Amino acid sequence: MSDSKRIRLLTADDHALLREGIAALVDLEADMQLVAQAGTGREAIDKFKEHRPDVTLMDLQMPDMDGIDAIIAIRSAFPNARIIVLTTYAGDVQVMRALKAGARAYVLKGRVHKELLETIRAVHAGQKRVPPEVAAVVAEHAGEDELSARELAVLRLIAGGNANKEIAAQLSISEETVKSHVTNILSKLSANDRTHAVTIALKRGFIEI
């Protein structure tokens, strides 16, 4: 197949081993060509501008700029960019952020060998793909109240082991206000206590450690 007919790919991931694995996988396909690799979000943006790939594979967790921000930056300059999120995270919050940013598909890293090539072809053909197990997690929490920016800030400090007094000092708010935020967080996450809230928030992708 001539190069002009091949699906031109950019892969962005901070793990060189994963990029090499994808390169080896793509190399066996007659209708695909890996044109560039990036190790950070900013590098992904630069490589996209330079190569204008047909499909981009984007990790979410990368140094200097995460995948979501890189997707937003690329899509703001190139609205037709077709981006597949490739990640270990199945949390509904991460999925919704990625899809809102403009990602066309979501592939979990554990299923790369089974699903990636098919998903690349589907996205290149204009389709969207979200695995059933990921869609189920999103549907499970559809319609729930989102955490506010201040509640997320409190939750991150709770995850860091801070007591209410320390959180109040760091956010320049009263302890009573912190307690009110904690009550709201527990309610919105259906959590039994602070530790449970942190566990749920990590699993769903509200916060990272």
Foldseek 3Di string as FASTA:
>chain_A
DDPVQAQEEEEEALDVVLVVVVQVVQVVDPRHDHDYYHNALVVSLVVCVVPVGLEYEAEQDGPPHGRLVSLLVNCVVPVNYAYEYEYQALALVVVVSNVVSPHQEYHYNVCCVPPVVVQSVQSSVPHGYYDPVSVVNNVVLPPFDDQDPLLLLLLVVVVVVDDLVVSCVVVVHDSVVSVVSLVVLCVRQVAPHSVRSNVSCCNNVSDHD
